[in-house]
Amino acid sequence: MAKYSKKAQDKIERVMHEFKTGKLKSGKDGQGGKVKNRKQAIAIGISEAKAEGDKVPERKS
């Protein structure tokens, strides 16, 4: 089973911390407002990790 790399885990952890403190914003430059959904916060963290080339498992379909 594929696993997240350490860097990807750290990035998701940082994003979740921002979400819990109410500082995480969605959309380009935070134009979408505060993120209110836990799943959306995780998706943002995974997206940022993929953009930097970190090891992230393929999406289950």
Protein backbone atom coordinates (compact mmCIF):
# COMPACT_ATOMS: atom_id res chain seq x y z
CA MET A 1 0.00 0.00 0.00
CA ALA A 2 1.31 3.43 -0.94
CA LYS A 3 2.13 5.86 1.84
CA TYR A 4 2.64 9.58 2.08
CA SER A 5 6.23 10.82 2.20
CA LYS A 6 7.47 12.55 5.35
CA LYS A 7 7.43 15.94 3.59
CA ALA A 8 3.83 15.39 2.46
CA GLN A 9 2.82 14.43 6.01
CA ASP A 10 4.45 17.58 7.37
CA LYS A 11 2.67 19.73 4.79
CA ILE A 12 -0.74 18.21 5.61
CA GLU A 13 -0.03 18.63 9.32
CA ARG A 14 0.79 22.33 8.80
CA VAL A 15 -2.39 22.87 6.78
CA MET A 16 -4.50 21.14 9.45
CA HIS A 17 -2.97 23.41 12.10
CA GLU A 18 -3.94 26.45 10.03
CA PHE A 19 -7.45 25.01 9.65
CA LYS A 20 -7.84 24.44 13.39
CA THR A 21 -6.69 27.97 14.21
CA GLY A 22 -9.04 29.44 11.57
CA LYS A 23 -6.31 30.84 9.31
CA LEU A 24 -6.73 28.48 6.32
CA LYS A 25 -8.36 30.10 3.29
CA SER A 26 -9.51 28.48 0.07
CA GLY A 27 -9.07 29.53 -3.53
CA LYS A 28 -6.39 31.59 -5.19
CA ASP A 29 -4.82 33.99 -2.69
CA GLY A 30 -7.52 33.14 -0.13
CA GLN A 31 -10.29 34.79 -2.13
CA GLY A 32 -12.73 31.95 -1.30
CA GLY A 33 -12.86 32.71 2.41
CA LYS A 34 -12.21 30.50 5.43
CA VAL A 35 -12.19 26.73 5.04
CA LYS A 36 -14.93 25.26 7.23
CA ASN A 37 -14.74 21.61 6.21
CA ARG A 38 -12.09 19.17 7.52
CA LYS A 39 -12.07 17.15 4.28
CA GLN A 40 -11.50 20.30 2.24
CA ALA A 41 -8.53 21.20 4.46
CA ILE A 42 -6.98 17.76 3.90
CA ALA A 43 -7.54 18.10 0.15
CA ILE A 44 -5.73 21.46 0.17
CA GLY A 45 -2.77 19.88 2.00
CA ILE A 46 -2.57 16.98 -0.45
CA SER A 47 -2.81 19.38 -3.39
CA GLU A 48 0.05 21.50 -2.05
CA ALA A 49 2.16 18.39 -1.47
CA LYS A 50 1.55 17.17 -5.03
CA ALA A 51 2.47 20.59 -6.42
CA GLU A 52 5.88 20.36 -4.75
CA GLY A 53 6.42 16.82 -6.06
CA ASP A 54 6.10 15.00 -2.74
CA LYS A 55 5.09 11.32 -2.75
CA VAL A 56 1.30 11.10 -2.49
CA PRO A 57 -0.71 7.93 -3.25
CA GLU A 58 -3.02 7.86 -6.26
CA ARG A 59 -6.65 8.76 -5.68
CA LYS A 60 -8.99 5.78 -5.27
CA SER A 61 -11.70 5.78 -7.90
